[in-house]
Amino acid sequence: MNKKILLVEDSPVIQHLTKRILHLQNFNIDTAKNGKIAIEKLSADTYDLILLDINVPVMDGLTRTQKIRSHEEPSIRKIPIIAITGNAKNYSKSQYIDRGINDLLSKPLNYDLMVLMINKYI
């Protein structure tokens, strides 16, 4: 498959588990522990999908999504974004989608659902 995913997550435990599971699915995973690093990586490399924790340091996920969706490079603007949040009650799914996010996963993560969702977009 060799599809490349950018995982934006500040928890080392979630990063580790997610990377292991997605490697088993033959995805290539790159990580960023905060929003600033994520934007830098998007400008330096090509990704097929972004798994984006909404609550990481430096730049929150919704602000980061706006920067991605308004990026000057069309290929970056179109990358599917799956948001990950432990606070799904703060917004409805449609509010996330209205802000440019393609889909939403709640924590604790259901990794089977995550793999199905990723395959839906790439």
N, C-alpha and C. Protein backbone atom coordinates (compact mmCIF):
# COMPACT_ATOMS: atom_id res chain seq x y z
N MET A 1 0.83 -1.19 0.00
CA MET A 1 0.00 0.00 0.00
C MET A 1 0.87 1.25 0.00
N ASN A 2 1.83 1.37 0.93
CA ASN A 2 2.79 2.46 0.99
C ASN A 2 2.17 3.85 1.02
N LYS A 3 1.02 3.98 1.61
CA LYS A 3 0.41 5.29 1.80
C LYS A 3 1.04 5.93 3.04
N LYS A 4 1.23 7.24 2.99
CA LYS A 4 1.93 7.93 4.07
C LYS A 4 0.94 8.77 4.87
N ILE A 5 0.99 8.60 6.18
CA ILE A 5 0.09 9.29 7.10
C ILE A 5 0.92 10.13 8.06
N LEU A 6 0.46 11.36 8.28
CA LEU A 6 1.04 12.22 9.31
C LEU A 6 0.16 12.12 10.55
N LEU A 7 0.73 11.61 11.63
CA LEU A 7 0.05 11.50 12.91
C LEU A 7 0.48 12.67 13.78
N VAL A 8 -0.46 13.54 14.10
CA VAL A 8 -0.18 14.70 14.95
C VAL A 8 -0.77 14.38 16.32
N GLU A 9 0.12 14.03 17.24
CA GLU A 9 -0.30 13.53 18.55
C GLU A 9 0.84 13.79 19.53
N ASP A 10 0.53 14.37 20.70
CA ASP A 10 1.57 14.67 21.68
C ASP A 10 1.79 13.55 22.69
N SER A 11 0.90 12.60 22.80
CA SER A 11 1.05 11.50 23.74
C SER A 11 1.98 10.42 23.16
N PRO A 12 3.13 10.19 23.79
CA PRO A 12 4.04 9.15 23.28
C PRO A 12 3.40 7.76 23.25
N VAL A 13 2.53 7.48 24.20
CA VAL A 13 1.87 6.17 24.25
C VAL A 13 0.93 6.00 23.05
N ILE A 14 0.10 7.01 22.79
CA ILE A 14 -0.82 6.93 21.65
C ILE A 14 -0.04 6.92 20.34
N GLN A 15 1.03 7.72 20.26
CA GLN A 15 1.88 7.69 19.06
C GLN A 15 2.40 6.28 18.82
N HIS A 16 2.95 5.67 19.86
CA HIS A 16 3.55 4.34 19.72
C HIS A 16 2.52 3.30 19.28
N LEU A 17 1.39 3.24 19.98
CA LEU A 17 0.35 2.26 19.65
C LEU A 17 -0.19 2.47 18.24
N THR A 18 -0.47 3.71 17.89
CA THR A 18 -1.02 4.02 16.57
C THR A 18 -0.03 3.65 15.47
N LYS A 19 1.23 4.00 15.66
CA LYS A 19 2.25 3.67 14.67
C LYS A 19 2.35 2.16 14.48
N ARG A 20 2.36 1.41 15.57
CA ARG A 20 2.48 -0.06 15.47
C ARG A 20 1.30 -0.66 14.71
N ILE A 21 0.11 -0.23 15.05
CA ILE A 21 -1.09 -0.77 14.40
C ILE A 21 -1.11 -0.40 12.92
N LEU A 22 -0.78 0.82 12.60
CA LEU A 22 -0.83 1.25 11.20
C LEU A 22 0.31 0.65 10.38
N HIS A 23 1.45 0.41 11.00
CA HIS A 23 2.53 -0.29 10.29
C HIS A 23 2.09 -1.70 9.91
N LEU A 24 1.32 -2.35 10.78
CA LEU A 24 0.81 -3.68 10.47
C LEU A 24 -0.14 -3.65 9.27
N GLN A 25 -0.72 -2.48 9.02
CA GLN A 25 -1.62 -2.31 7.87
C GLN A 25 -0.86 -1.79 6.64
N ASN A 26 0.46 -1.78 6.74
CA ASN A 26 1.35 -1.34 5.65
C ASN A 26 1.27 0.15 5.33
N PHE A 27 0.94 0.95 6.32
CA PHE A 27 1.00 2.39 6.16
C PHE A 27 2.35 2.89 6.65
N ASN A 28 2.88 3.92 6.01
CA ASN A 28 4.07 4.62 6.49
C ASN A 28 3.59 5.76 7.38
N ILE A 29 4.16 5.86 8.58
CA ILE A 29 3.69 6.84 9.55
C ILE A 29 4.82 7.81 9.88
N ASP A 30 4.49 9.08 9.84
CA ASP A 30 5.38 10.13 10.31
C ASP A 30 4.63 10.82 11.45
N THR A 31 5.36 11.30 12.46
CA THR A 31 4.69 11.91 13.60
C THR A 31 5.13 13.34 13.82
N ALA A 32 4.24 14.09 14.43
CA ALA A 32 4.52 15.45 14.89
C ALA A 32 3.88 15.58 16.26
N LYS A 33 4.65 16.11 17.22
CA LYS A 33 4.12 16.21 18.58
C LYS A 33 3.40 17.52 18.87
N ASN A 34 3.44 18.45 17.89
CA ASN A 34 2.68 19.69 18.08
C ASN A 34 2.30 20.27 16.72
N GLY A 35 1.46 21.29 16.76
CA GLY A 35 0.93 21.87 15.53
C GLY A 35 1.96 22.55 14.66
N LYS A 36 2.93 23.19 15.25
CA LYS A 36 3.96 23.88 14.48
C LYS A 36 4.78 22.88 13.68
N ILE A 37 5.17 21.77 14.31
CA ILE A 37 5.94 20.73 13.62
C ILE A 37 5.10 20.12 12.51
N ALA A 38 3.82 19.94 12.74
CA ALA A 38 2.93 19.37 11.71
C ALA A 38 2.93 20.23 10.46
N ILE A 39 2.80 21.54 10.61
CA ILE A 39 2.78 22.43 9.46
C ILE A 39 4.13 22.37 8.72
N GLU A 40 5.22 22.33 9.47
CA GLU A 40 6.56 22.23 8.86
C GLU A 40 6.68 20.93 8.05
N LYS A 41 6.21 19.83 8.61
CA LYS A 41 6.30 18.54 7.92
C LYS A 41 5.44 18.52 6.66
N LEU A 42 4.28 19.14 6.71
CA LEU A 42 3.41 19.19 5.54
C LEU A 42 4.05 19.97 4.40
N SER A 43 4.84 20.96 4.73
CA SER A 43 5.51 21.75 3.70
C SER A 43 6.73 21.03 3.13
N ALA A 44 7.27 20.07 3.88
CA ALA A 44 8.51 19.40 3.48
C ALA A 44 8.30 18.02 2.86
N ASP A 45 7.11 17.44 3.02
CA ASP A 45 6.89 16.06 2.56
C ASP A 45 5.47 15.93 2.03
N THR A 46 5.18 14.78 1.43
CA THR A 46 3.86 14.50 0.86
C THR A 46 3.16 13.45 1.71
N TYR A 47 1.90 13.72 2.04
CA TYR A 47 1.11 12.81 2.86
C TYR A 47 -0.21 12.52 2.18
N ASP A 48 -0.72 11.30 2.44
CA ASP A 48 -2.01 10.89 1.89
C ASP A 48 -3.16 11.17 2.84
N LEU A 49 -2.83 11.34 4.14
CA LEU A 49 -3.87 11.55 5.15
C LEU A 49 -3.21 12.11 6.40
N ILE A 50 -3.99 12.86 7.17
CA ILE A 50 -3.53 13.40 8.45
C ILE A 50 -4.45 12.89 9.54
N LEU A 51 -3.86 12.26 10.57
CA LEU A 51 -4.58 11.93 11.80
C LEU A 51 -4.20 13.03 12.79
N LEU A 52 -5.17 13.78 13.22
CA LEU A 52 -4.90 15.04 13.91
C LEU A 52 -5.58 15.10 15.27
N ASP A 53 -4.77 15.00 16.33
CA ASP A 53 -5.32 15.22 17.67
C ASP A 53 -5.67 16.70 17.78
N ILE A 54 -6.88 16.97 18.16
CA ILE A 54 -7.36 18.35 18.25
C ILE A 54 -6.64 19.13 19.34
N ASN A 55 -6.23 18.45 20.41
CA ASN A 55 -5.65 19.14 21.57
C ASN A 55 -4.17 18.86 21.74
N VAL A 56 -3.35 19.29 20.79
CA VAL A 56 -1.91 19.19 20.97
C VAL A 56 -1.33 20.58 21.21
N PRO A 57 -0.14 20.65 21.80
CA PRO A 57 0.46 21.96 22.12
C PRO A 57 0.79 22.80 20.89
N VAL A 58 1.04 24.05 21.12
CA VAL A 58 1.52 25.07 20.20
C VAL A 58 0.42 25.60 19.29
N MET A 59 -0.33 24.71 18.63
CA MET A 59 -1.41 25.15 17.74
C MET A 59 -2.50 24.09 17.78
N ASP A 60 -3.70 24.47 18.21
CA ASP A 60 -4.78 23.48 18.32
C ASP A 60 -5.19 22.96 16.95
N GLY A 61 -5.89 21.85 16.95
CA GLY A 61 -6.25 21.16 15.72
C GLY A 61 -7.15 21.95 14.79
N LEU A 62 -8.06 22.72 15.34
CA LEU A 62 -8.96 23.48 14.46
C LEU A 62 -8.21 24.63 13.78
N THR A 63 -7.30 25.28 14.50
CA THR A 63 -6.47 26.32 13.88
C THR A 63 -5.57 25.70 12.82
N ARG A 64 -5.00 24.56 13.14
CA ARG A 64 -4.13 23.84 12.21
C ARG A 64 -4.90 23.43 10.96
N THR A 65 -6.12 22.98 11.13
CA THR A 65 -6.96 22.60 9.99
C THR A 65 -7.20 23.80 9.09
N GLN A 66 -7.49 24.95 9.68
CA GLN A 66 -7.70 26.16 8.88
C GLN A 66 -6.45 26.51 8.08
N LYS A 67 -5.27 26.37 8.69
CA LYS A 67 -4.02 26.66 7.98
C LYS A 67 -3.81 25.68 6.83
N ILE A 68 -4.15 24.41 7.06
CA ILE A 68 -4.00 23.40 6.00
C ILE A 68 -4.98 23.70 4.87
N ARG A 69 -6.22 23.98 5.20
CA ARG A 69 -7.25 24.22 4.18
C ARG A 69 -7.04 25.53 3.41
N SER A 70 -6.26 26.44 3.97
CA SER A 70 -5.98 27.69 3.26
C SER A 70 -4.55 27.74 2.72
N HIS A 71 -3.86 26.61 2.75
CA HIS A 71 -2.46 26.56 2.29
C HIS A 71 -2.37 26.92 0.81
N GLU A 72 -1.28 27.55 0.42
CA GLU A 72 -1.11 27.96 -0.99
C GLU A 72 -0.97 26.78 -1.93
N GLU A 73 -0.52 25.63 -1.42
CA GLU A 73 -0.32 24.44 -2.26
C GLU A 73 -1.62 23.62 -2.30
N PRO A 74 -2.25 23.48 -3.49
CA PRO A 74 -3.51 22.75 -3.59
C PRO A 74 -3.43 21.30 -3.08
N SER A 75 -2.31 20.64 -3.29
CA SER A 75 -2.20 19.24 -2.84
C SER A 75 -2.25 19.14 -1.32
N ILE A 76 -1.77 20.15 -0.61
CA ILE A 76 -1.85 20.16 0.85
C ILE A 76 -3.27 20.48 1.30
N ARG A 77 -3.92 21.42 0.64
CA ARG A 77 -5.30 21.80 1.00
C ARG A 77 -6.26 20.62 0.93
N LYS A 78 -5.98 19.66 0.03
CA LYS A 78 -6.92 18.57 -0.22
C LYS A 78 -6.66 17.31 0.60
N ILE A 79 -5.61 17.28 1.42
CA ILE A 79 -5.30 16.08 2.20
C ILE A 79 -6.45 15.79 3.16
N PRO A 80 -6.97 14.56 3.16
CA PRO A 80 -8.02 14.21 4.13
C PRO A 80 -7.49 14.33 5.56
N ILE A 81 -8.32 14.87 6.44
CA ILE A 81 -7.97 15.03 7.85
C ILE A 81 -9.00 14.29 8.69
N ILE A 82 -8.49 13.37 9.51
CA ILE A 82 -9.33 12.69 10.50
C ILE A 82 -8.92 13.24 11.86
N ALA A 83 -9.85 13.91 12.52
CA ALA A 83 -9.58 14.49 13.83
C ALA A 83 -9.73 13.42 14.91
N ILE A 84 -8.87 13.53 15.91
CA ILE A 84 -8.94 12.66 17.09
C ILE A 84 -9.15 13.56 18.29
N THR A 85 -10.16 13.25 19.08
CA THR A 85 -10.44 14.11 20.23
C THR A 85 -10.97 13.32 21.42
N GLY A 86 -10.58 13.77 22.58
CA GLY A 86 -11.14 13.24 23.81
C GLY A 86 -12.31 14.09 24.28
N ASN A 87 -12.58 15.17 23.54
CA ASN A 87 -13.64 16.11 23.89
C ASN A 87 -14.68 16.21 22.79
N ALA A 88 -15.14 15.08 22.30
CA ALA A 88 -16.10 15.08 21.19
C ALA A 88 -17.39 15.80 21.55
N LYS A 89 -17.66 15.94 22.84
CA LYS A 89 -18.89 16.60 23.26
C LYS A 89 -18.84 18.11 23.07
N ASN A 90 -17.65 18.67 22.91
CA ASN A 90 -17.53 20.12 22.76
C ASN A 90 -18.12 20.62 21.44
N TYR A 91 -18.04 19.80 20.41
CA TYR A 91 -18.58 20.15 19.10
C TYR A 91 -19.31 18.94 18.54
N SER A 92 -20.29 19.19 17.69
CA SER A 92 -20.91 18.07 16.98
C SER A 92 -20.01 17.69 15.82
N LYS A 93 -20.20 16.50 15.29
CA LYS A 93 -19.40 16.06 14.15
C LYS A 93 -19.55 17.04 12.99
N SER A 94 -20.75 17.54 12.77
CA SER A 94 -20.95 18.48 11.66
C SER A 94 -20.17 19.77 11.86
N GLN A 95 -19.98 20.21 13.10
CA GLN A 95 -19.19 21.41 13.35
C GLN A 95 -17.71 21.18 13.00
N TYR A 96 -17.21 19.98 13.26
CA TYR A 96 -15.83 19.66 12.85
C TYR A 96 -15.74 19.64 11.33
N ILE A 97 -16.71 19.02 10.70
CA ILE A 97 -16.70 18.94 9.23
C ILE A 97 -16.83 20.34 8.63
N ASP A 98 -17.64 21.19 9.21
CA ASP A 98 -17.77 22.57 8.73
C ASP A 98 -16.46 23.34 8.82
N ARG A 99 -15.57 22.91 9.70
CA ARG A 99 -14.27 23.57 9.88
C ARG A 99 -13.18 22.94 9.03
N GLY A 100 -13.56 21.99 8.13
CA GLY A 100 -12.59 21.44 7.19
C GLY A 100 -12.07 20.06 7.52
N ILE A 101 -12.55 19.47 8.58
CA ILE A 101 -12.14 18.12 8.96
C ILE A 101 -13.05 17.13 8.24
N ASN A 102 -12.45 16.05 7.73
CA ASN A 102 -13.24 15.07 6.97
C ASN A 102 -14.02 14.11 7.86
N ASP A 103 -13.42 13.73 8.99
CA ASP A 103 -14.08 12.76 9.85
C ASP A 103 -13.53 12.89 11.26
N LEU A 104 -14.15 12.18 12.21
CA LEU A 104 -13.84 12.36 13.62
C LEU A 104 -13.77 11.01 14.33
N LEU A 105 -12.70 10.83 15.12
CA LEU A 105 -12.55 9.68 16.00
C LEU A 105 -12.50 10.17 17.44
N SER A 106 -13.19 9.49 18.33
CA SER A 106 -13.15 9.84 19.75
C SER A 106 -12.16 8.96 20.49
N LYS A 107 -11.55 9.55 21.51
CA LYS A 107 -10.71 8.78 22.42
C LYS A 107 -11.60 8.23 23.52
N PRO A 108 -11.32 7.05 24.04
CA PRO A 108 -10.20 6.18 23.66
C PRO A 108 -10.41 5.64 22.24
N LEU A 109 -9.30 5.53 21.54
CA LEU A 109 -9.36 5.14 20.13
C LEU A 109 -9.81 3.70 19.94
N ASN A 110 -10.69 3.52 18.97
CA ASN A 110 -11.06 2.20 18.50
C ASN A 110 -10.22 1.99 17.23
N TYR A 111 -9.16 1.20 17.34
CA TYR A 111 -8.22 1.07 16.24
C TYR A 111 -8.81 0.38 15.02
N ASP A 112 -9.76 -0.53 15.22
CA ASP A 112 -10.43 -1.15 14.06
C ASP A 112 -11.20 -0.10 13.28
N LEU A 113 -11.93 0.75 13.99
CA LEU A 113 -12.67 1.83 13.34
C LEU A 113 -11.71 2.81 12.66
N MET A 114 -10.59 3.10 13.31
CA MET A 114 -9.61 4.02 12.73
C MET A 114 -9.09 3.49 11.40
N VAL A 115 -8.75 2.21 11.34
CA VAL A 115 -8.24 1.62 10.09
C VAL A 115 -9.32 1.67 9.01
N LEU A 116 -10.56 1.34 9.36
CA LEU A 116 -11.66 1.42 8.39
C LEU A 116 -11.83 2.85 7.88
N MET A 117 -11.76 3.82 8.78
CA MET A 117 -11.93 5.21 8.39
C MET A 117 -10.79 5.67 7.48
N ILE A 118 -9.57 5.30 7.82
CA ILE A 118 -8.41 5.66 6.97
C ILE A 118 -8.61 5.08 5.58
N ASN A 119 -8.98 3.82 5.50
CA ASN A 119 -9.16 3.17 4.19
C ASN A 119 -10.28 3.83 3.38
N LYS A 120 -11.23 4.44 4.05
CA LYS A 120 -12.31 5.15 3.37
C LYS A 120 -11.78 6.37 2.61
N TYR A 121 -10.72 6.99 3.13
CA TYR A 121 -10.22 8.24 2.55
C TYR A 121 -8.98 8.09 1.69
N ILE A 122 -8.27 6.96 1.79
CA ILE A 122 -7.09 6.80 0.94
C ILE A 122 -7.08 5.46 0.22
